[in-house]
Amino acid sequence: MGVVPWGVAAGAVAWCLVGSWRAARLENYPWNVWTPIGYGAVKGVFLGLLAGWCAVVVLRVVPVAWWRERGGVAVVRFAGLVLSGGLLGGLVPGTVRDFMGEPQPRTLYYFDGPRPESEWYWRPLLSEWLMCTVLPALGCAVLLAVGALVSVRSSRPERFGWAVPALVGVGLLFLPDWAASGAPEPVGNGDHVNESASAGLVVLATGLGLLVSAWVVWWRRRPRRPVGPASPGLTPPRSSPIGPRSVRGGG
C-alpha cells in the first residue's frame, strides 16, 4: 500500500519545519543557525519510518473486513487507522525521552544550564513536549494518512515505494546549501565550525541512503523481460506432421 514511504516523506517535512523554527530562535549564535534544520530533517526520516511501520502494524492487527469495505466509511476507517498508527509511532520516542530523561534543556532553553526538577517538570517540559514532539508527530501522521490514501487510490501503488523516498533523498542532498544560504558563516572555535560541517555530512549520508534504498526497490519491482526464445530442442512442435491415422496404420 505504500504506507511506509509516505511516512518517511511526512516525517522529513514535519521535523524539518520544527528544525526551522528552532533555527529562527538561535540567530544570536551564527554557527548554529542552520544545523537544527538538517538534524530535524534527518530525525524526521527515521521517526517517519517508524510512524509508517506502526501504521502498517495497526492495519494488520485490525480485521481486514472492517476497513476494506466499499464506500466512504471504509475510506474514513482506513485513514483513521493510518493516522492513529502514525501518531503513535511519532509520539512514543519523544515522549519517553522527555518524561523519562534528565531534567535539562534541549531546544527551548538551549543555552541555559541544567535546571532542578522543580523547574523542569512542569511548564518547560510541557512546552517542549508540545512544540517539539506532539505537533510534528501530529503533522507527520496527517501527511502519512493523506499519502496512504493517494497510494491506495492509485492504479499503480507500487511506484510510490521508490519515487517518494527518491524525492526525499534528492531534497536532502540540496538541503545543506538551501538551509545555510541565508545564514552567516560559522564562527567561533573549531567545535562550532565542525558541528556545522558534521551536520551537513549527516544530511548528505541520509539522502544518499534514501536514494540507494529507492533504487533497490525500483530494481526489484521493475517489469521483467523474457531473456530470449527457448531452445529449439526443448520447444514442442505446434502440430505433428504425422497424423494419428498414419501412426496406427504404419504398423
C-alpha atoms as a PDB file:
ATOM      1  CA  MET A   1       0.000   0.000   0.000  1.00  0.00           C
ATOM      2  CA  GLY A   2       2.978   2.316   0.113  1.00  0.00           C
ATOM      3  CA  VAL A   3       2.388   3.500   3.680  1.00  0.00           C
ATOM      4  CA  VAL A   4       5.998   3.395   4.878  1.00  0.00           C
ATOM      5  CA  PRO A   5       7.478   5.596   2.080  1.00  0.00           C
ATOM      6  CA  TRP A   6       4.884   8.238   2.797  1.00  0.00           C
ATOM      7  CA  GLY A   7       5.880   8.112   6.458  1.00  0.00           C
ATOM      8  CA  VAL A   8       9.484   8.909   5.528  1.00  0.00           C
ATOM      9  CA  ALA A   9       8.405  11.909   3.470  1.00  0.00           C
ATOM     10  CA  ALA A  10       5.924  13.148   6.074  1.00  0.00           C
ATOM     11  CA  GLY A  11       8.419  12.839   8.905  1.00  0.00           C
ATOM     12  CA  ALA A  12      11.139  14.667   6.985  1.00  0.00           C
ATOM     13  CA  VAL A  13       8.785  17.563   6.263  1.00  0.00           C
ATOM     14  CA  ALA A  14       7.295  17.769   9.770  1.00  0.00           C
ATOM     15  CA  TRP A  15      10.524  17.680  11.762  1.00  0.00           C
ATOM     16  CA  CYS A  16      12.358  19.844   9.239  1.00  0.00           C
ATOM     17  CA  LEU A  17       9.794  22.547   9.957  1.00  0.00           C
ATOM     18  CA  VAL A  18      10.463  22.120  13.667  1.00  0.00           C
ATOM     19  CA  GLY A  19      14.183  22.477  12.962  1.00  0.00           C
ATOM     20  CA  SER A  20      13.495  25.655  11.021  1.00  0.00           C
ATOM     21  CA  TRP A  21      11.574  27.029  13.988  1.00  0.00           C
ATOM     22  CA  ARG A  22      14.489  26.177  16.264  1.00  0.00           C
ATOM     23  CA  ALA A  23      16.960  27.811  13.895  1.00  0.00           C
ATOM     24  CA  ALA A  24      14.934  31.026  13.946  1.00  0.00           C
ATOM     25  CA  ARG A  25      15.333  31.123  17.732  1.00  0.00           C
ATOM     26  CA  LEU A  26      19.127  30.697  17.585  1.00  0.00           C
ATOM     27  CA  GLU A  27      20.058  33.652  15.410  1.00  0.00           C
ATOM     28  CA  ASN A  28      22.373  35.053  18.067  1.00  0.00           C
ATOM     29  CA  TYR A  29      24.709  32.065  17.513  1.00  0.00           C
ATOM     30  CA  PRO A  30      25.590  32.102  13.795  1.00  0.00           C
ATOM     31  CA  TRP A  31      27.497  28.809  13.938  1.00  0.00           C
ATOM     32  CA  ASN A  32      24.298  27.003  14.878  1.00  0.00           C
ATOM     33  CA  VAL A  33      21.729  28.724  12.678  1.00  0.00           C
ATOM     34  CA  TRP A  34      21.188  26.016  10.066  1.00  0.00           C
ATOM     35  CA  THR A  35      22.134  22.821  11.930  1.00  0.00           C
ATOM     36  CA  PRO A  36      18.718  22.352  13.623  1.00  0.00           C
ATOM     37  CA  ILE A  37      17.152  22.267  10.147  1.00  0.00           C
ATOM     38  CA  GLY A  38      19.438  19.491   8.954  1.00  0.00           C
ATOM     39  CA  TYR A  39      19.244  17.446  12.114  1.00  0.00           C
ATOM     40  CA  GLY A  40      15.470  17.924  12.202  1.00  0.00           C
ATOM     41  CA  ALA A  41      15.082  16.556   8.674  1.00  0.00           C
ATOM     42  CA  VAL A  42      17.271  13.536   9.421  1.00  0.00           C
ATOM     43  CA  LYS A  43      15.418  12.901  12.661  1.00  0.00           C
ATOM     44  CA  GLY A  44      12.139  13.109  10.754  1.00  0.00           C
ATOM     45  CA  VAL A  45      13.265  10.486   8.251  1.00  0.00           C
ATOM     46  CA  PHE A  46      13.752   7.889  10.974  1.00  0.00           C
ATOM     47  CA  LEU A  47      10.723   8.908  13.035  1.00  0.00           C
ATOM     48  CA  GLY A  48       8.608   8.937   9.871  1.00  0.00           C
ATOM     49  CA  LEU A  49       9.881   5.458   9.031  1.00  0.00           C
ATOM     50  CA  LEU A  50       8.823   4.308  12.497  1.00  0.00           C
ATOM     51  CA  ALA A  51       5.446   6.014  12.122  1.00  0.00           C
ATOM     52  CA  GLY A  52       4.860   4.278   8.797  1.00  0.00           C
ATOM     53  CA  TRP A  53       5.648   0.849  10.217  1.00  0.00           C
ATOM     54  CA  CYS A  54       3.408   1.491  13.217  1.00  0.00           C
ATOM     55  CA  ALA A  55       0.593   2.380  10.829  1.00  0.00           C
ATOM     56  CA  VAL A  56       1.172  -0.883   8.950  1.00  0.00           C
ATOM     57  CA  VAL A  57       1.074  -2.838  12.225  1.00  0.00           C
ATOM     58  CA  VAL A  58      -2.224  -1.211  13.173  1.00  0.00           C
ATOM     59  CA  LEU A  59      -3.687  -2.126   9.781  1.00  0.00           C
ATOM     60  CA  ARG A  60      -2.530  -5.722  10.238  1.00  0.00           C
ATOM     61  CA  VAL A  61      -3.961  -6.019  13.751  1.00  0.00           C
ATOM     62  CA  VAL A  62      -7.422  -4.684  12.904  1.00  0.00           C
ATOM     63  CA  PRO A  63      -9.633  -7.159  10.993  1.00  0.00           C
ATOM     64  CA  VAL A  64      -9.369  -6.561   7.269  1.00  0.00           C
ATOM     65  CA  ALA A  65     -13.129  -6.728   6.697  1.00  0.00           C
ATOM     66  CA  TRP A  66     -13.628  -3.736   8.983  1.00  0.00           C
ATOM     67  CA  TRP A  67     -11.785  -1.241   6.779  1.00  0.00           C
ATOM     68  CA  ARG A  68     -11.745  -2.826   3.301  1.00  0.00           C
ATOM     69  CA  GLU A  69     -15.423  -2.376   2.594  1.00  0.00           C
ATOM     70  CA  ARG A  70     -16.597  -0.182  -0.233  1.00  0.00           C
ATOM     71  CA  GLY A  71     -17.796   3.347   0.265  1.00  0.00           C
ATOM     72  CA  GLY A  72     -16.810   6.448   2.135  1.00  0.00           C
ATOM     73  CA  VAL A  73     -16.987   4.790   5.553  1.00  0.00           C
ATOM     74  CA  ALA A  74     -14.169   2.421   4.604  1.00  0.00           C
ATOM     75  CA  VAL A  75     -12.022   5.348   3.473  1.00  0.00           C
ATOM     76  CA  VAL A  76     -12.563   7.124   6.789  1.00  0.00           C
ATOM     77  CA  ARG A  77     -11.734   3.961   8.722  1.00  0.00           C
ATOM     78  CA  PHE A  78      -8.583   3.372   6.717  1.00  0.00           C
ATOM     79  CA  ALA A  79      -7.419   6.955   7.162  1.00  0.00           C
ATOM     80  CA  GLY A  80      -8.193   6.796  10.878  1.00  0.00           C
ATOM     81  CA  LEU A  81      -6.152   3.630  11.354  1.00  0.00           C
ATOM     82  CA  VAL A  82      -3.178   5.036   9.465  1.00  0.00           C
ATOM     83  CA  LEU A  83      -3.434   8.313  11.391  1.00  0.00           C
ATOM     84  CA  SER A  84      -3.556   6.593  14.766  1.00  0.00           C
ATOM     85  CA  GLY A  85      -0.644   4.286  13.944  1.00  0.00           C
ATOM     86  CA  GLY A  86       1.468   7.111  12.582  1.00  0.00           C
ATOM     87  CA  LEU A  87       0.710   9.310  15.571  1.00  0.00           C
ATOM     88  CA  LEU A  88       1.680   6.515  17.935  1.00  0.00           C
ATOM     89  CA  GLY A  89       4.991   5.958  16.174  1.00  0.00           C
ATOM     90  CA  GLY A  90       5.833   9.650  16.170  1.00  0.00           C
ATOM     91  CA  LEU A  91       4.838  10.339  19.772  1.00  0.00           C
ATOM     92  CA  VAL A  92       6.370   7.461  21.711  1.00  0.00           C
ATOM     93  CA  PRO A  93      10.137   8.101  21.233  1.00  0.00           C
ATOM     94  CA  GLY A  94       9.995  11.818  22.013  1.00  0.00           C
ATOM     95  CA  THR A  95       7.590  11.333  24.915  1.00  0.00           C
ATOM     96  CA  VAL A  96       9.799   8.706  26.545  1.00  0.00           C
ATOM     97  CA  ARG A  97      12.837  10.930  26.070  1.00  0.00           C
ATOM     98  CA  ASP A  98      11.124  13.986  27.561  1.00  0.00           C
ATOM     99  CA  PHE A  99       9.434  12.436  30.577  1.00  0.00           C
ATOM    100  CA  MET A 100      11.954   9.710  31.404  1.00  0.00           C
ATOM    101  CA  GLY A 101      15.168  11.593  30.634  1.00  0.00           C
ATOM    102  CA  GLU A 102      17.296  14.004  32.575  1.00  0.00           C
ATOM    103  CA  PRO A 103      15.725  17.376  33.520  1.00  0.00           C
ATOM    104  CA  GLN A 104      17.940  19.509  31.314  1.00  0.00           C
ATOM    105  CA  PRO A 105      17.193  21.863  28.407  1.00  0.00           C
ATOM    106  CA  ARG A 106      17.489  20.665  24.830  1.00  0.00           C
ATOM    107  CA  THR A 107      15.695  23.045  22.494  1.00  0.00           C
ATOM    108  CA  LEU A 108      13.564  25.771  24.044  1.00  0.00           C
ATOM    109  CA  TYR A 109      16.241  26.550  26.618  1.00  0.00           C
ATOM    110  CA  TYR A 110      19.231  25.607  24.532  1.00  0.00           C
ATOM    111  CA  PHE A 111      21.769  27.932  26.107  1.00  0.00           C
ATOM    112  CA  ASP A 112      20.594  27.630  29.704  1.00  0.00           C
ATOM    113  CA  GLY A 113      22.297  25.417  32.232  1.00  0.00           C
ATOM    114  CA  PRO A 114      20.751  22.298  33.760  1.00  0.00           C
ATOM    115  CA  ARG A 115      17.797  23.167  35.964  1.00  0.00           C
ATOM    116  CA  PRO A 116      16.328  21.362  39.001  1.00  0.00           C
ATOM    117  CA  GLU A 117      13.373  19.037  38.610  1.00  0.00           C
ATOM    118  CA  SER A 118      11.020  21.503  40.258  1.00  0.00           C
ATOM    119  CA  GLU A 119      11.650  23.975  37.439  1.00  0.00           C
ATOM    120  CA  TRP A 120      11.765  21.437  34.622  1.00  0.00           C
ATOM    121  CA  TYR A 121       8.896  19.008  35.115  1.00  0.00           C
ATOM    122  CA  TRP A 122       6.110  21.471  34.536  1.00  0.00           C
ATOM    123  CA  ARG A 123       5.918  24.394  32.114  1.00  0.00           C
ATOM    124  CA  PRO A 124       9.325  23.997  30.386  1.00  0.00           C
ATOM    125  CA  LEU A 125       8.851  20.272  29.863  1.00  0.00           C
ATOM    126  CA  LEU A 126       5.246  20.570  28.675  1.00  0.00           C
ATOM    127  CA  SER A 127       6.169  23.399  26.316  1.00  0.00           C
ATOM    128  CA  GLU A 128       8.998  21.435  24.772  1.00  0.00           C
ATOM    129  CA  TRP A 129       6.908  18.259  24.550  1.00  0.00           C
ATOM    130  CA  LEU A 130       4.067  20.112  22.838  1.00  0.00           C
ATOM    131  CA  MET A 131       6.159  22.098  20.370  1.00  0.00           C
ATOM    132  CA  CYS A 132       8.853  19.553  19.503  1.00  0.00           C
ATOM    133  CA  THR A 133       7.056  16.208  19.908  1.00  0.00           C
ATOM    134  CA  VAL A 134       3.270  16.453  19.728  1.00  0.00           C
ATOM    135  CA  LEU A 135       2.843  18.963  16.916  1.00  0.00           C
ATOM    136  CA  PRO A 136       5.369  17.399  14.494  1.00  0.00           C
ATOM    137  CA  ALA A 137       4.067  13.906  15.267  1.00  0.00           C
ATOM    138  CA  LEU A 138       0.531  15.056  14.511  1.00  0.00           C
ATOM    139  CA  GLY A 139       1.625  16.737  11.288  1.00  0.00           C
ATOM    140  CA  CYS A 140       3.533  13.625  10.258  1.00  0.00           C
ATOM    141  CA  ALA A 141       0.504  11.420  10.960  1.00  0.00           C
ATOM    142  CA  VAL A 142      -1.812  13.650   8.919  1.00  0.00           C
ATOM    143  CA  LEU A 143       0.551  13.748   5.926  1.00  0.00           C
ATOM    144  CA  LEU A 144       1.066   9.998   6.259  1.00  0.00           C
ATOM    145  CA  ALA A 145      -2.678   9.351   6.127  1.00  0.00           C
ATOM    146  CA  VAL A 146      -3.116  11.607   3.099  1.00  0.00           C
ATOM    147  CA  GLY A 147      -0.241   9.917   1.270  1.00  0.00           C
ATOM    148  CA  ALA A 148      -1.578   6.452   2.097  1.00  0.00           C
ATOM    149  CA  LEU A 149      -4.968   7.389   0.651  1.00  0.00           C
ATOM    150  CA  VAL A 150      -3.296   8.661  -2.517  1.00  0.00           C
ATOM    151  CA  SER A 151      -1.339   5.430  -2.799  1.00  0.00           C
ATOM    152  CA  VAL A 152      -4.407   3.239  -2.297  1.00  0.00           C
ATOM    153  CA  ARG A 153      -6.448   5.100  -4.889  1.00  0.00           C
ATOM    154  CA  SER A 154      -3.631   4.943  -7.454  1.00  0.00           C
ATOM    155  CA  SER A 155      -3.726   2.395 -10.250  1.00  0.00           C
ATOM    156  CA  ARG A 156      -0.057   1.552  -9.607  1.00  0.00           C
ATOM    157  CA  PRO A 157       0.565   2.000  -5.867  1.00  0.00           C
ATOM    158  CA  GLU A 158       3.922   0.210  -6.023  1.00  0.00           C
ATOM    159  CA  ARG A 159       5.542   3.143  -7.823  1.00  0.00           C
ATOM    160  CA  PHE A 160       5.335   5.232  -4.648  1.00  0.00           C
ATOM    161  CA  GLY A 161       7.576   2.696  -2.937  1.00  0.00           C
ATOM    162  CA  TRP A 162      10.629   4.113  -4.732  1.00  0.00           C
ATOM    163  CA  ALA A 163       9.531   7.509  -6.090  1.00  0.00           C
ATOM    164  CA  VAL A 164       8.706   9.099  -2.722  1.00  0.00           C
ATOM    165  CA  PRO A 165      11.982   8.117  -0.945  1.00  0.00           C
ATOM    166  CA  ALA A 166      13.905   9.165  -4.043  1.00  0.00           C
ATOM    167  CA  LEU A 167      12.367  12.642  -3.945  1.00  0.00           C
ATOM    168  CA  VAL A 168      13.131  12.961  -0.241  1.00  0.00           C
ATOM    169  CA  GLY A 169      16.708  11.827  -0.852  1.00  0.00           C
ATOM    170  CA  VAL A 170      17.212  14.417  -3.591  1.00  0.00           C
ATOM    171  CA  GLY A 171      15.756  17.083  -1.308  1.00  0.00           C
ATOM    172  CA  LEU A 172      18.197  16.165   1.448  1.00  0.00           C
ATOM    173  CA  LEU A 173      21.115  16.464  -0.967  1.00  0.00           C
ATOM    174  CA  PHE A 174      20.184  20.088  -1.645  1.00  0.00           C
ATOM    175  CA  LEU A 175      19.130  20.879   1.927  1.00  0.00           C
ATOM    176  CA  PRO A 176      22.542  21.969   3.316  1.00  0.00           C
ATOM    177  CA  ASP A 177      23.049  24.604   0.605  1.00  0.00           C
ATOM    178  CA  TRP A 178      19.466  25.801   0.843  1.00  0.00           C
ATOM    179  CA  ALA A 179      19.320  25.959   4.638  1.00  0.00           C
ATOM    180  CA  ALA A 180      22.702  27.651   5.012  1.00  0.00           C
ATOM    181  CA  SER A 181      22.227  30.094   2.137  1.00  0.00           C
ATOM    182  CA  GLY A 182      20.874  32.864   4.340  1.00  0.00           C
ATOM    183  CA  ALA A 183      22.921  32.040   7.410  1.00  0.00           C
ATOM    184  CA  PRO A 184      26.190  33.697   8.425  1.00  0.00           C
ATOM    185  CA  GLU A 185      29.443  31.848   8.083  1.00  0.00           C
ATOM    186  CA  PRO A 186      30.302  29.559  11.020  1.00  0.00           C
ATOM    187  CA  VAL A 187      32.319  31.456  13.618  1.00  0.00           C
ATOM    188  CA  GLY A 188      33.858  30.551  16.953  1.00  0.00           C
ATOM    189  CA  ASN A 189      36.141  27.738  17.904  1.00  0.00           C
ATOM    190  CA  GLY A 190      36.809  24.593  15.940  1.00  0.00           C
ATOM    191  CA  ASP A 191      33.998  22.663  17.605  1.00  0.00           C
ATOM    192  CA  HIS A 192      31.442  25.168  16.387  1.00  0.00           C
ATOM    193  CA  VAL A 193      32.670  25.041  12.793  1.00  0.00           C
ATOM    194  CA  ASN A 194      32.933  21.259  12.870  1.00  0.00           C
ATOM    195  CA  GLU A 195      29.378  20.943  14.150  1.00  0.00           C
ATOM    196  CA  SER A 196      28.050  22.705  11.089  1.00  0.00           C
ATOM    197  CA  ALA A 197      30.167  20.500   8.815  1.00  0.00           C
ATOM    198  CA  SER A 198      29.179  17.299  10.606  1.00  0.00           C
ATOM    199  CA  ALA A 199      25.519  18.214  10.291  1.00  0.00           C
ATOM    200  CA  GLY A 200      25.973  18.561   6.545  1.00  0.00           C
ATOM    201  CA  LEU A 201      27.637  15.159   6.318  1.00  0.00           C
ATOM    202  CA  VAL A 202      24.802  13.533   8.279  1.00  0.00           C
ATOM    203  CA  VAL A 203      22.198  15.071   5.976  1.00  0.00           C
ATOM    204  CA  LEU A 204      24.078  14.051   2.821  1.00  0.00           C
ATOM    205  CA  ALA A 205      24.594  10.491   4.093  1.00  0.00           C
ATOM    206  CA  THR A 206      20.892  10.149   4.870  1.00  0.00           C
ATOM    207  CA  GLY A 207      19.953  11.470   1.437  1.00  0.00           C
ATOM    208  CA  LEU A 208      22.287   9.028  -0.296  1.00  0.00           C
ATOM    209  CA  GLY A 209      20.905   6.192   1.805  1.00  0.00           C
ATOM    210  CA  LEU A 210      17.365   7.040   0.704  1.00  0.00           C
ATOM    211  CA  LEU A 211      18.426   7.175  -2.938  1.00  0.00           C
ATOM    212  CA  VAL A 212      20.114   3.775  -2.698  1.00  0.00           C
ATOM    213  CA  SER A 213      17.090   2.225  -0.999  1.00  0.00           C
ATOM    214  CA  ALA A 214      14.773   3.726  -3.614  1.00  0.00           C
ATOM    215  CA  TRP A 215      16.948   2.274  -6.385  1.00  0.00           C
ATOM    216  CA  VAL A 216      16.887  -1.169  -4.759  1.00  0.00           C
ATOM    217  CA  VAL A 217      13.082  -1.077  -4.504  1.00  0.00           C
ATOM    218  CA  TRP A 218      12.791   0.052  -8.118  1.00  0.00           C
ATOM    219  CA  TRP A 219      15.190  -2.685  -9.290  1.00  0.00           C
ATOM    220  CA  ARG A 220      13.207  -5.389  -7.538  1.00  0.00           C
ATOM    221  CA  ARG A 221       9.834  -4.200  -8.805  1.00  0.00           C
ATOM    222  CA  ARG A 222      10.752  -3.338 -12.369  1.00  0.00           C
ATOM    223  CA  PRO A 223       8.987  -5.395 -15.063  1.00  0.00           C
ATOM    224  CA  ARG A 224      10.952  -8.451 -16.085  1.00  0.00           C
ATOM    225  CA  ARG A 225      11.531  -9.046 -19.797  1.00  0.00           C
ATOM    226  CA  PRO A 226      11.943 -12.510 -21.254  1.00  0.00           C
ATOM    227  CA  VAL A 227      15.569 -13.452 -21.733  1.00  0.00           C
ATOM    228  CA  GLY A 228      15.054 -14.882 -25.237  1.00  0.00           C
ATOM    229  CA  PRO A 229      13.360 -17.652 -27.201  1.00  0.00           C
ATOM    230  CA  ALA A 230      13.582 -21.108 -25.751  1.00  0.00           C
ATOM    231  CA  SER A 231      15.973 -23.661 -27.199  1.00  0.00           C
ATOM    232  CA  PRO A 232      14.612 -25.334 -30.376  1.00  0.00           C
ATOM    233  CA  GLY A 233      15.316 -28.777 -28.999  1.00  0.00           C
ATOM    234  CA  LEU A 234      13.193 -28.070 -25.917  1.00  0.00           C
ATOM    235  CA  THR A 235      10.276 -26.452 -27.712  1.00  0.00           C
ATOM    236  CA  PRO A 236       7.485 -28.910 -28.579  1.00  0.00           C
ATOM    237  CA  PRO A 237       6.145 -28.646 -32.145  1.00  0.00           C
ATOM    238  CA  ARG A 238       2.822 -26.933 -32.613  1.00  0.00           C
ATOM    239  CA  SER A 239       1.469 -29.681 -34.867  1.00  0.00           C
ATOM    240  CA  SER A 240       2.807 -33.098 -35.684  1.00  0.00           C
ATOM    241  CA  PRO A 241       3.370 -33.798 -39.396  1.00  0.00           C
ATOM    242  CA  ILE A 242       2.246 -37.381 -38.845  1.00  0.00           C
ATOM    243  CA  GLY A 243      -1.449 -37.777 -38.220  1.00  0.00           C
ATOM    244  CA  PRO A 244      -2.934 -40.280 -35.837  1.00  0.00           C
ATOM    245  CA  ARG A 245      -4.253 -42.486 -38.672  1.00  0.00           C
ATOM    246  CA  SER A 246      -0.852 -42.852 -40.284  1.00  0.00           C
ATOM    247  CA  VAL A 247       0.637 -43.796 -36.918  1.00  0.00           C
ATOM    248  CA  ARG A 248      -1.924 -46.532 -36.429  1.00  0.00           C
ATOM    249  CA  GLY A 249      -1.725 -47.748 -39.968  1.00  0.00           C
ATOM    250  CA  GLY A 250       2.024 -47.742 -40.306  1.00  0.00           C
ATOM    251  CA  GLY A 251       2.441 -50.930 -38.273  1.00  0.00           C
END
